[in-house]
Structures are given as structure tokens and as C-alpha cells.
C-alpha atoms as a PDB file:
ATOM      1  CA  UNK A   1     148.280  57.204  25.818  1.00  0.00           C
ATOM      2  CA  UNK A   2     146.395  57.625  22.588  1.00  0.00           C
ATOM      3  CA  UNK A   3     149.104  55.190  21.332  1.00  0.00           C
ATOM      4  CA  UNK A   4     148.251  53.528  24.452  1.00  0.00           C
ATOM      5  CA  UNK A   5     144.635  52.603  23.473  1.00  0.00           C
ATOM      6  CA  UNK A   6     144.622  53.160  20.325  1.00  0.00           C
ATOM      7  CA  UNK A   7     146.208  49.774  20.310  1.00  0.00           C
ATOM      8  CA  UNK A   8     145.146  47.855  22.331  1.00  0.00           C
ATOM      9  CA  UNK A   9     141.838  48.334  20.817  1.00  0.00           C
ATOM     10  CA  UNK A  10     143.237  47.121  17.988  1.00  0.00           C
ATOM     11  CA  UNK A  11     144.537  44.090  19.880  1.00  0.00           C
ATOM     12  CA  UNK A  12     141.054  43.557  22.039  1.00  0.00           C
ATOM     13  CA  UNK A  13     139.244  43.786  18.268  1.00  0.00           C
ATOM     14  CA  UNK A  14     141.966  40.868  17.111  1.00  0.00           C
ATOM     15  CA  UNK A  15     141.545  38.817  19.726  1.00  0.00           C
ATOM     16  CA  UNK A  16     137.477  38.826  20.676  1.00  0.00           C
ATOM     17  CA  UNK A  17     137.656  37.550  16.838  1.00  0.00           C
ATOM     18  CA  UNK A  18     136.986  33.695  16.352  1.00  0.00           C
ATOM     19  CA  UNK A  19     140.649  31.482  15.996  1.00  0.00           C
ATOM     20  CA  UNK A  20     139.515  31.172  12.187  1.00  0.00           C
ATOM     21  CA  UNK A  21     139.401  34.763  11.674  1.00  0.00           C
ATOM     22  CA  UNK A  22     141.951  36.453  13.220  1.00  0.00           C
ATOM     23  CA  UNK A  23     144.464  35.031  10.824  1.00  0.00           C
ATOM     24  CA  UNK A  24     143.314  36.856   7.821  1.00  0.00           C
ATOM     25  CA  UNK A  25     143.928  40.569  10.543  1.00  0.00           C
ATOM     26  CA  UNK A  26     147.466  40.513   9.534  1.00  0.00           C
ATOM     27  CA  UNK A  27     145.750  43.004   6.945  1.00  0.00           C
ATOM     28  CA  UNK A  28     149.646  43.408   4.914  1.00  0.00           C
ATOM     29  CA  UNK A  29     149.259  40.248   3.570  1.00  0.00           C
ATOM     30  CA  UNK A  30     145.238  40.006   3.227  1.00  0.00           C
ATOM     31  CA  UNK A  31     143.183  41.156   0.364  1.00  0.00           C
ATOM     32  CA  UNK A  32     143.262  45.488  -1.166  1.00  0.00           C
ATOM     33  CA  UNK A  33     140.902  47.125   0.279  1.00  0.00           C
ATOM     34  CA  UNK A  34     138.819  50.325  -1.839  1.00  0.00           C
ATOM     35  CA  UNK A  35     135.761  52.418  -1.706  1.00  0.00           C
ATOM     36  CA  UNK A  36     132.528  50.494  -0.515  1.00  0.00           C
ATOM     37  CA  UNK A  37     133.874  47.642   1.178  1.00  0.00           C
ATOM     38  CA  UNK A  38     133.908  46.816   4.044  1.00  0.00           C
ATOM     39  CA  UNK A  39     134.058  44.560   7.296  1.00  0.00           C
ATOM     40  CA  UNK A  40     137.089  43.357   9.931  1.00  0.00           C
ATOM     41  CA  UNK A  41     139.839  44.213   7.811  1.00  0.00           C
ATOM     42  CA  UNK A  42     138.532  47.512   7.018  1.00  0.00           C
ATOM     43  CA  UNK A  43     137.657  47.601  11.306  1.00  0.00           C
ATOM     44  CA  UNK A  44     142.191  47.195  11.603  1.00  0.00           C
ATOM     45  CA  UNK A  45     143.049  49.376   8.937  1.00  0.00           C
ATOM     46  CA  UNK A  46     141.384  51.792  10.287  1.00  0.00           C
ATOM     47  CA  UNK A  47     142.365  51.457  13.807  1.00  0.00           C
ATOM     48  CA  UNK A  48     146.256  51.511  12.114  1.00  0.00           C
ATOM     49  CA  UNK A  49     145.406  54.628  10.828  1.00  0.00           C
ATOM     50  CA  UNK A  50     143.711  56.334  13.309  1.00  0.00           C
ATOM     51  CA  UNK A  51     147.150  54.571  15.489  1.00  0.00           C
ATOM     52  CA  UNK A  52     149.415  56.209  12.564  1.00  0.00           C
ATOM     53  CA  UNK A  53     147.130  59.594  13.452  1.00  0.00           C
ATOM     54  CA  UNK A  54     146.224  59.524   9.601  1.00  0.00           C
ATOM     55  CA  UNK A  55     142.691  58.590  10.722  1.00  0.00           C
ATOM     56  CA  UNK A  56     139.750  60.818  12.684  1.00  0.00           C
ATOM     57  CA  UNK A  57     136.712  59.761  12.528  1.00  0.00           C
ATOM     58  CA  UNK A  58     133.992  61.954  13.229  1.00  0.00           C
ATOM     59  CA  UNK A  59     132.187  60.674  16.413  1.00  0.00           C
ATOM     60  CA  UNK A  60     128.367  58.504  15.858  1.00  0.00           C
ATOM     61  CA  UNK A  61     130.270  57.544  12.466  1.00  0.00           C
ATOM     62  CA  UNK A  62     130.611  53.759  12.577  1.00  0.00           C
ATOM     63  CA  UNK A  63     134.174  51.959  11.968  1.00  0.00           C
ATOM     64  CA  UNK A  64     134.652  49.525   8.920  1.00  0.00           C
ATOM     65  CA  UNK A  65     133.088  50.961   6.146  1.00  0.00           C
ATOM     66  CA  UNK A  66     135.702  51.944   3.772  1.00  0.00           C
ATOM     67  CA  UNK A  67     134.448  55.361   2.486  1.00  0.00           C
ATOM     68  CA  UNK A  68     135.194  58.799   1.320  1.00  0.00           C
ATOM     69  CA  UNK A  69     136.924  59.363   4.956  1.00  0.00           C
ATOM     70  CA  UNK A  70     139.181  56.278   5.046  1.00  0.00           C
ATOM     71  CA  UNK A  71     140.042  56.471   1.306  1.00  0.00           C
ATOM     72  CA  UNK A  72     141.496  59.915   2.358  1.00  0.00           C
ATOM     73  CA  UNK A  73     143.643  59.056   4.986  1.00  0.00           C
ATOM     74  CA  UNK A  74     144.557  56.250   3.438  1.00  0.00           C
ATOM     75  CA  UNK A  75     145.896  58.679   0.492  1.00  0.00           C
ATOM     76  CA  UNK A  76     147.286  60.766   3.103  1.00  0.00           C
ATOM     77  CA  UNK A  77     149.441  58.420   4.993  1.00  0.00           C
ATOM     78  CA  UNK A  78     150.637  57.358   0.404  1.00  0.00           C
ATOM     79  CA  UNK A  79     151.758  61.107   0.232  1.00  0.00           C
ATOM     80  CA  UNK A  80     153.441  61.192   3.420  1.00  0.00           C
ATOM     81  CA  UNK A  81     155.181  57.811   3.423  1.00  0.00           C
ATOM     82  CA  UNK A  82     156.451  57.903  -0.097  1.00  0.00           C
ATOM     83  CA  UNK A  83     153.791  55.208  -2.020  1.00  0.00           C
ATOM     84  CA  UNK A  84     152.375  56.027  -5.233  1.00  0.00           C
ATOM     85  CA  UNK A  85     149.856  56.282  -6.387  1.00  0.00           C
ATOM     86  CA  UNK A  86     148.703  58.372  -3.720  1.00  0.00           C
ATOM     87  CA  UNK A  87     144.543  57.559  -4.542  1.00  0.00           C
ATOM     88  CA  UNK A  88     143.499  55.684  -1.531  1.00  0.00           C
ATOM     89  CA  UNK A  89     143.626  51.892  -2.341  1.00  0.00           C
ATOM     90  CA  UNK A  90     145.113  50.319  -0.308  1.00  0.00           C
ATOM     91  CA  UNK A  91     147.400  47.962  -1.798  1.00  0.00           C
ATOM     92  CA  UNK A  92     150.624  46.249  -1.872  1.00  0.00           C
ATOM     93  CA  UNK A  93     153.029  49.035  -1.800  1.00  0.00           C
ATOM     94  CA  UNK A  94     150.331  50.163   1.095  1.00  0.00           C
ATOM     95  CA  UNK A  95     150.233  47.276   2.973  1.00  0.00           C
ATOM     96  CA  UNK A  96     154.867  47.049   2.333  1.00  0.00           C
ATOM     97  CA  UNK A  97     155.242  51.071   4.099  1.00  0.00           C
ATOM     98  CA  UNK A  98     151.652  49.681   7.099  1.00  0.00           C
ATOM     99  CA  UNK A  99     153.916  46.866   8.019  1.00  0.00           C
ATOM    100  CA  UNK A 100     157.313  48.617   8.240  1.00  0.00           C
ATOM    101  CA  UNK A 101     155.894  51.614  10.015  1.00  0.00           C
ATOM    102  CA  UNK A 102     154.609  49.432  12.633  1.00  0.00           C
ATOM    103  CA  UNK A 103     157.859  46.872  12.132  1.00  0.00           C
ATOM    104  CA  UNK A 104     160.149  49.482  13.189  1.00  0.00           C
ATOM    105  CA  UNK A 105     158.040  50.802  16.332  1.00  0.00           C
ATOM    106  CA  UNK A 106     157.509  46.932  17.351  1.00  0.00           C
ATOM    107  CA  UNK A 107     154.457  46.455  17.017  1.00  0.00           C
ATOM    108  CA  UNK A 108     154.565  43.696  14.519  1.00  0.00           C
ATOM    109  CA  UNK A 109     154.903  40.292  16.401  1.00  0.00           C
ATOM    110  CA  UNK A 110     151.976  42.442  18.869  1.00  0.00           C
ATOM    111  CA  UNK A 111     149.118  42.704  16.360  1.00  0.00           C
ATOM    112  CA  UNK A 112     150.773  38.665  15.539  1.00  0.00           C
ATOM    113  CA  UNK A 113     152.049  39.871  11.957  1.00  0.00           C
ATOM    114  CA  UNK A 114     155.273  38.155  10.859  1.00  0.00           C
ATOM    115  CA  UNK A 115     157.756  39.061   8.598  1.00  0.00           C
END
């Protein structure tokens, strides 16, 4: 049930953004993300990390800021997926791992991601 709810939130967020901006929501091909950044790409990353069980944002903490909680979630994801280094930086190797995870689940097309 959590999977369906989280995926619905991600899809709802992507559909809710204007078309001009929606094209940048495929965070597997957009900008790299690191501590201190904020915005729609960070929200999408956080939702995907939540979907995979790596991010649990405490109640009252708003989404959209890449801070210590998100960095630790990315680092844990990297460690469990064999991405090196496990620095918590969301760059090319982590993007590929995330894409492969969601592609294998059949979610890539639902998220508007293409090969």
C-alpha cells in the first residue's frame, strides 16, 4: 500500500508541475544534486528514496531541501546498490542505479522516463 501511495504522490507532483518544467523532472538525466540544493528535483529524489525505503522524513520536516537526512539516505542507497563512492552525492552512477531500479519495477514509463 505504501508503494502505491508514494508512487501516486510522485506522479501527482510531476503531473502538477507546468509542462515546461515537467520535462526536467526525470532526475536520472537532470542536474546532479548535493547538500544545500533545493527545489523540484530534490522533492522528486526524496519521493523516490522514500519509495525505495531509504528515506523517512520526520513529521514536520518539509520536503525540497537536500540536507543531512537526504544525504544519508542517498549514501545508504549507494552502499546497498554498490555505487561508489558512498558520499551521498546524487550524480551519474547513482542516477543510473535509480533508473535501473525503477525500470525493473516497471515504473520508469509511469514516471515519464525513457531509455
